């Protein structure tokens, strides 16, 4: 939890094994639109890495 300001931040935590992430400070600084931008960015990152679902990315970095 914490430290989520963009899609890359969330994606790093998901690939490390997180099944949920929490945005707070990023939301305070960026406003409610931050959630939409992070979600859109996550979709791009998943597509880039060949994942169809976010569940496929969970823990991928620790399974290597």
PDB file of N, CA and C in Angstrom:
ATOM      1  N   UNK A   1       0.849  -1.166   0.000  1.00  0.00           N
ATOM      2  CA  UNK A   1       0.000   0.000   0.000  1.00  0.00           C
ATOM      3  C   UNK A   1       0.896   1.231   0.000  1.00  0.00           C
ATOM      4  N   UNK A   2       0.438   2.237  -0.660  1.00  0.00           N
ATOM      5  CA  UNK A   2       1.164   3.498  -0.684  1.00  0.00           C
ATOM      6  C   UNK A   2       2.147   3.589  -1.828  1.00  0.00           C
ATOM      7  N   UNK A   3       2.478   4.803  -2.177  1.00  0.00           N
ATOM      8  CA  UNK A   3       3.455   5.032  -3.232  1.00  0.00           C
ATOM      9  C   UNK A   3       2.925   4.849  -4.628  1.00  0.00           C
ATOM     10  N   UNK A   4       1.621   4.867  -4.789  1.00  0.00           N
ATOM     11  CA  UNK A   4       1.028   4.689  -6.112  1.00  0.00           C
ATOM     12  C   UNK A   4       0.694   6.066  -6.681  1.00  0.00           C
ATOM     13  N   UNK A   5       1.460   6.469  -7.695  1.00  0.00           N
ATOM     14  CA  UNK A   5       1.215   7.744  -8.356  1.00  0.00           C
ATOM     15  C   UNK A   5       0.894   7.570  -9.828  1.00  0.00           C
ATOM     16  N   UNK A   6       1.239   6.408 -10.385  1.00  0.00           N
ATOM     17  CA  UNK A   6       0.983   6.158 -11.811  1.00  0.00           C
ATOM     18  C   UNK A   6       0.852   4.659 -12.051  1.00  0.00           C
ATOM     19  N   UNK A   7       0.564   4.305 -13.288  1.00  0.00           N
ATOM     20  CA  UNK A   7       0.340   2.902 -13.633  1.00  0.00           C
ATOM     21  C   UNK A   7       1.576   2.054 -13.392  1.00  0.00           C
ATOM     22  N   UNK A   8       2.749   2.592 -13.658  1.00  0.00           N
ATOM     23  CA  UNK A   8       3.980   1.822 -13.456  1.00  0.00           C
ATOM     24  C   UNK A   8       4.159   1.468 -11.980  1.00  0.00           C
ATOM     25  N   UNK A   9       3.825   2.385 -11.087  1.00  0.00           N
ATOM     26  CA  UNK A   9       3.918   2.109  -9.650  1.00  0.00           C
ATOM     27  C   UNK A   9       2.999   0.948  -9.272  1.00  0.00           C
ATOM     28  N   UNK A  10       1.762   1.008  -9.725  1.00  0.00           N
ATOM     29  CA  UNK A  10       0.798  -0.052  -9.416  1.00  0.00           C
ATOM     30  C   UNK A  10       1.233  -1.375 -10.039  1.00  0.00           C
ATOM     31  N   UNK A  11       1.686  -1.325 -11.267  1.00  0.00           N
ATOM     32  CA  UNK A  11       2.082  -2.536 -11.987  1.00  0.00           C
ATOM     33  C   UNK A  11       3.271  -3.211 -11.313  1.00  0.00           C
ATOM     34  N   UNK A  12       4.220  -2.432 -10.844  1.00  0.00           N
ATOM     35  CA  UNK A  12       5.371  -2.996 -10.131  1.00  0.00           C
ATOM     36  C   UNK A  12       4.927  -3.772  -8.896  1.00  0.00           C
ATOM     37  N   UNK A  13       3.994  -3.227  -8.160  1.00  0.00           N
ATOM     38  CA  UNK A  13       3.508  -3.888  -6.951  1.00  0.00           C
ATOM     39  C   UNK A  13       2.716  -5.146  -7.295  1.00  0.00           C
ATOM     40  N   UNK A  14       1.936  -5.091  -8.361  1.00  0.00           N
ATOM     41  CA  UNK A  14       1.173  -6.258  -8.806  1.00  0.00           C
ATOM     42  C   UNK A  14       2.119  -7.369  -9.248  1.00  0.00           C
ATOM     43  N   UNK A  15       3.123  -7.021 -10.030  1.00  0.00           N
ATOM     44  CA  UNK A  15       4.086  -8.031 -10.483  1.00  0.00           C
ATOM     45  C   UNK A  15       4.890  -8.605  -9.322  1.00  0.00           C
ATOM     46  N   UNK A  16       4.992  -7.866  -8.227  1.00  0.00           N
ATOM     47  CA  UNK A  16       5.692  -8.352  -7.046  1.00  0.00           C
ATOM     48  C   UNK A  16       4.794  -9.229  -6.167  1.00  0.00           C
ATOM     49  N   UNK A  17       3.508  -9.311  -6.512  1.00  0.00           N
ATOM     50  CA  UNK A  17       2.611 -10.202  -5.788  1.00  0.00           C
ATOM     51  C   UNK A  17       1.378  -9.573  -5.185  1.00  0.00           C
ATOM     52  N   UNK A  18       1.228  -8.265  -5.280  1.00  0.00           N
ATOM     53  CA  UNK A  18       0.049  -7.612  -4.703  1.00  0.00           C
ATOM     54  C   UNK A  18      -1.210  -7.997  -5.471  1.00  0.00           C
ATOM     55  N   UNK A  19      -2.267  -8.289  -4.734  1.00  0.00           N
ATOM     56  CA  UNK A  19      -3.553  -8.570  -5.364  1.00  0.00           C
ATOM     57  C   UNK A  19      -4.464  -7.347  -5.302  1.00  0.00           C
ATOM     58  N   UNK A  20      -4.012  -6.322  -4.608  1.00  0.00           N
ATOM     59  CA  UNK A  20      -4.737  -5.056  -4.528  1.00  0.00           C
ATOM     60  C   UNK A  20      -3.714  -3.953  -4.263  1.00  0.00           C
ATOM     61  N   UNK A  21      -4.004  -2.761  -4.743  1.00  0.00           N
ATOM     62  CA  UNK A  21      -3.175  -1.594  -4.450  1.00  0.00           C
ATOM     63  C   UNK A  21      -4.091  -0.475  -3.980  1.00  0.00           C
ATOM     64  N   UNK A  22      -3.543   0.405  -3.182  1.00  0.00           N
ATOM     65  CA  UNK A  22      -4.319   1.516  -2.648  1.00  0.00           C
ATOM     66  C   UNK A  22      -3.672   2.821  -3.071  1.00  0.00           C
ATOM     67  N   UNK A  23      -4.475   3.707  -3.611  1.00  0.00           N
ATOM     68  CA  UNK A  23      -3.989   5.035  -3.966  1.00  0.00           C
ATOM     69  C   UNK A  23      -4.584   6.020  -2.956  1.00  0.00           C
ATOM     70  N   UNK A  24      -3.726   6.813  -2.378  1.00  0.00           N
ATOM     71  CA  UNK A  24      -4.205   7.848  -1.463  1.00  0.00           C
ATOM     72  C   UNK A  24      -3.498   9.166  -1.753  1.00  0.00           C
ATOM     73  N   UNK A  25      -2.201   9.219  -1.479  1.00  0.00           N
ATOM     74  CA  UNK A  25      -1.463  10.460  -1.697  1.00  0.00           C
ATOM     75  C   UNK A  25      -1.507  10.859  -3.165  1.00  0.00           C
ATOM     76  N   UNK A  26      -1.351   9.898  -4.056  1.00  0.00           N
ATOM     77  CA  UNK A  26      -1.431  10.192  -5.485  1.00  0.00           C
ATOM     78  C   UNK A  26      -2.781  10.774  -5.865  1.00  0.00           C
ATOM     79  N   UNK A  27      -3.832  10.266  -5.242  1.00  0.00           N
ATOM     80  CA  UNK A  27      -5.178  10.767  -5.504  1.00  0.00           C
ATOM     81  C   UNK A  27      -5.329  12.190  -4.974  1.00  0.00           C
ATOM     82  N   UNK A  28      -4.734  12.446  -3.810  1.00  0.00           N
ATOM     83  CA  UNK A  28      -4.793  13.800  -3.230  1.00  0.00           C
ATOM     84  C   UNK A  28      -4.124  14.804  -4.173  1.00  0.00           C
ATOM     85  N   UNK A  29      -2.940  14.448  -4.676  1.00  0.00           N
ATOM     86  CA  UNK A  29      -2.196  15.366  -5.534  1.00  0.00           C
ATOM     87  C   UNK A  29      -2.744  15.436  -6.953  1.00  0.00           C
ATOM     88  N   UNK A  30      -3.221  14.330  -7.470  1.00  0.00           N
ATOM     89  CA  UNK A  30      -3.649  14.275  -8.872  1.00  0.00           C
ATOM     90  C   UNK A  30      -5.160  14.397  -9.052  1.00  0.00           C
ATOM     91  N   UNK A  31      -5.926  14.172  -8.006  1.00  0.00           N
ATOM     92  CA  UNK A  31      -7.375  14.244  -8.090  1.00  0.00           C
ATOM     93  C   UNK A  31      -7.975  12.930  -8.561  1.00  0.00           C
ATOM     94  N   UNK A  32      -9.311  12.874  -8.628  1.00  0.00           N
ATOM     95  CA  UNK A  32     -10.000  11.642  -8.975  1.00  0.00           C
ATOM     96  C   UNK A  32      -9.647  11.100 -10.364  1.00  0.00           C
ATOM     97  N   UNK A  33      -9.193  11.956 -11.260  1.00  0.00           N
ATOM     98  CA  UNK A  33      -8.809  11.503 -12.592  1.00  0.00           C
ATOM     99  C   UNK A  33      -7.607  10.574 -12.582  1.00  0.00           C
ATOM    100  N   UNK A  34      -6.864  10.564 -11.468  1.00  0.00           N
ATOM    101  CA  UNK A  34      -5.689   9.702 -11.359  1.00  0.00           C
ATOM    102  C   UNK A  34      -6.069   8.234 -11.485  1.00  0.00           C
ATOM    103  N   UNK A  35      -7.201   7.860 -10.934  1.00  0.00           N
ATOM    104  CA  UNK A  35      -7.636   6.459 -10.977  1.00  0.00           C
ATOM    105  C   UNK A  35      -7.867   6.032 -12.425  1.00  0.00           C
ATOM    106  N   UNK A  36      -8.531   6.875 -13.191  1.00  0.00           N
ATOM    107  CA  UNK A  36      -8.792   6.566 -14.602  1.00  0.00           C
ATOM    108  C   UNK A  36      -7.482   6.460 -15.378  1.00  0.00           C
ATOM    109  N   UNK A  37      -6.552   7.378 -15.128  1.00  0.00           N
ATOM    110  CA  UNK A  37      -5.257   7.337 -15.824  1.00  0.00           C
ATOM    111  C   UNK A  37      -4.459   6.086 -15.450  1.00  0.00           C
ATOM    112  N   UNK A  38      -4.497   5.715 -14.183  1.00  0.00           N
ATOM    113  CA  UNK A  38      -3.769   4.516 -13.743  1.00  0.00           C
ATOM    114  C   UNK A  38      -4.387   3.270 -14.382  1.00  0.00           C
ATOM    115  N   UNK A  39      -5.695   3.173 -14.394  1.00  0.00           N
ATOM    116  CA  UNK A  39      -6.352   2.021 -15.015  1.00  0.00           C
ATOM    117  C   UNK A  39      -6.013   1.916 -16.499  1.00  0.00           C
ATOM    118  N   UNK A  40      -6.059   3.031 -17.201  1.00  0.00           N
ATOM    119  CA  UNK A  40      -5.728   3.023 -18.636  1.00  0.00           C
ATOM    120  C   UNK A  40      -4.269   2.623 -18.837  1.00  0.00           C
ATOM    121  N   UNK A  41      -3.403   3.137 -17.995  1.00  0.00           N
ATOM    122  CA  UNK A  41      -1.988   2.783 -18.087  1.00  0.00           C
ATOM    123  C   UNK A  41      -1.748   1.313 -17.793  1.00  0.00           C
ATOM    124  N   UNK A  42      -2.471   0.771 -16.819  1.00  0.00           N
ATOM    125  CA  UNK A  42      -2.346  -0.658 -16.512  1.00  0.00           C
ATOM    126  C   UNK A  42      -2.745  -1.510 -17.706  1.00  0.00           C
ATOM    127  N   UNK A  43      -3.794  -1.116 -18.389  1.00  0.00           N
ATOM    128  CA  UNK A  43      -4.212  -1.861 -19.583  1.00  0.00           C
ATOM    129  C   UNK A  43      -3.115  -1.861 -20.644  1.00  0.00           C
ATOM    130  N   UNK A  44      -2.481  -0.724 -20.841  1.00  0.00           N
ATOM    131  CA  UNK A  44      -1.378  -0.645 -21.814  1.00  0.00           C
ATOM    132  C   UNK A  44      -0.201  -1.513 -21.398  1.00  0.00           C
ATOM    133  N   UNK A  45       0.142  -1.502 -20.117  1.00  0.00           N
ATOM    134  CA  UNK A  45       1.262  -2.305 -19.627  1.00  0.00           C
ATOM    135  C   UNK A  45       0.971  -3.800 -19.739  1.00  0.00           C
ATOM    136  N   UNK A  46      -0.243  -4.183 -19.419  1.00  0.00           N
ATOM    137  CA  UNK A  46      -0.625  -5.593 -19.552  1.00  0.00           C
ATOM    138  C   UNK A  46      -0.529  -6.045 -20.999  1.00  0.00           C
ATOM    139  N   UNK A  47      -1.042  -5.224 -21.896  1.00  0.00           N
ATOM    140  CA  UNK A  47      -0.987  -5.551 -23.321  1.00  0.00           C
ATOM    141  C   UNK A  47       0.461  -5.637 -23.799  1.00  0.00           C
ATOM    142  N   UNK A  48       1.290  -4.699 -23.384  1.00  0.00           N
ATOM    143  CA  UNK A  48       2.699  -4.692 -23.766  1.00  0.00           C
ATOM    144  C   UNK A  48       3.392  -5.997 -23.369  1.00  0.00           C
ATOM    145  N   UNK A  49       3.023  -6.499 -22.183  1.00  0.00           N
ATOM    146  CA  UNK A  49       3.669  -7.703 -21.661  1.00  0.00           C
ATOM    147  C   UNK A  49       2.953  -8.996 -22.055  1.00  0.00           C
ATOM    148  N   UNK A  50       1.915  -8.883 -22.854  1.00  0.00           N
ATOM    149  CA  UNK A  50       1.235 -10.068 -23.375  1.00  0.00           C
ATOM    150  C   UNK A  50       0.230 -10.710 -22.426  1.00  0.00           C
ATOM    151  N   UNK A  51      -0.214  -9.970 -21.428  1.00  0.00           N
ATOM    152  CA  UNK A  51      -1.222 -10.492 -20.500  1.00  0.00           C
ATOM    153  C   UNK A  51      -2.614 -10.072 -20.958  1.00  0.00           C
ATOM    154  N   UNK A  52      -3.564 -11.002 -20.835  1.00  0.00           N
ATOM    155  CA  UNK A  52      -4.956 -10.684 -21.166  1.00  0.00           C
ATOM    156  C   UNK A  52      -5.729 -10.244 -19.924  1.00  0.00           C
ATOM    157  N   UNK A  53      -5.276 -10.696 -18.757  1.00  0.00           N
ATOM    158  CA  UNK A  53      -5.939 -10.369 -17.495  1.00  0.00           C
ATOM    159  C   UNK A  53      -4.892  -9.930 -16.474  1.00  0.00           C
ATOM    160  N   UNK A  54      -5.299  -9.073 -15.586  1.00  0.00           N
ATOM    161  CA  UNK A  54      -4.375  -8.591 -14.563  1.00  0.00           C
ATOM    162  C   UNK A  54      -3.939  -9.730 -13.643  1.00  0.00           C
ATOM    163  N   UNK A  55      -4.808 -10.724 -13.465  1.00  0.00           N
ATOM    164  CA  UNK A  55      -4.455 -11.847 -12.600  1.00  0.00           C
ATOM    165  C   UNK A  55      -3.243 -12.603 -13.118  1.00  0.00           C
ATOM    166  N   UNK A  56      -2.993 -12.539 -14.414  1.00  0.00           N
ATOM    167  CA  UNK A  56      -1.827 -13.206 -14.992  1.00  0.00           C
ATOM    168  C   UNK A  56      -0.524 -12.521 -14.575  1.00  0.00           C
ATOM    169  N   UNK A  57      -0.598 -11.261 -14.240  1.00  0.00           N
ATOM    170  CA  UNK A  57       0.613 -10.490 -13.891  1.00  0.00           C
ATOM    171  C   UNK A  57       0.953 -10.580 -12.408  1.00  0.00           C
ATOM    172  N   UNK A  58      -0.002 -11.004 -11.582  1.00  0.00           N
ATOM    173  CA  UNK A  58       0.227 -11.037 -10.133  1.00  0.00           C
ATOM    174  C   UNK A  58       1.379 -11.985  -9.816  1.00  0.00           C
ATOM    175  N   UNK A  59       2.399 -11.437  -9.202  1.00  0.00           N
ATOM    176  CA  UNK A  59       3.545 -12.221  -8.756  1.00  0.00           C
ATOM    177  C   UNK A  59       4.492 -12.687  -9.836  1.00  0.00           C
ATOM    178  N   UNK A  60       4.340 -12.203 -11.049  1.00  0.00           N
ATOM    179  CA  UNK A  60       5.189 -12.671 -12.157  1.00  0.00           C
ATOM    180  C   UNK A  60       6.670 -12.435 -11.880  1.00  0.00           C
ATOM    181  N   UNK A  61       7.011 -11.385 -11.201  1.00  0.00           N
ATOM    182  CA  UNK A  61       8.423 -11.094 -10.923  1.00  0.00           C
ATOM    183  C   UNK A  61       9.030 -12.035  -9.886  1.00  0.00           C
ATOM    184  N   UNK A  62       8.210 -12.590  -9.025  1.00  0.00           N
ATOM    185  CA  UNK A  62       8.753 -13.503  -8.011  1.00  0.00           C
ATOM    186  C   UNK A  62       8.737 -14.957  -8.486  1.00  0.00           C
ATOM    187  N   UNK A  63       8.064 -15.210  -9.591  1.00  0.00           N
ATOM    188  CA  UNK A  63       8.020 -16.573 -10.160  1.00  0.00           C
ATOM    189  C   UNK A  63       9.177 -16.820 -11.111  1.00  0.00           C
ATOM    190  N   UNK A  64       9.927 -15.783 -11.448  1.00  0.00           N
ATOM    191  CA  UNK A  64      11.010 -15.927 -12.420  1.00  0.00           C
ATOM    192  C   UNK A  64      12.147 -16.735 -11.863  1.00  0.00           C
TER     193      UNK A  64
END
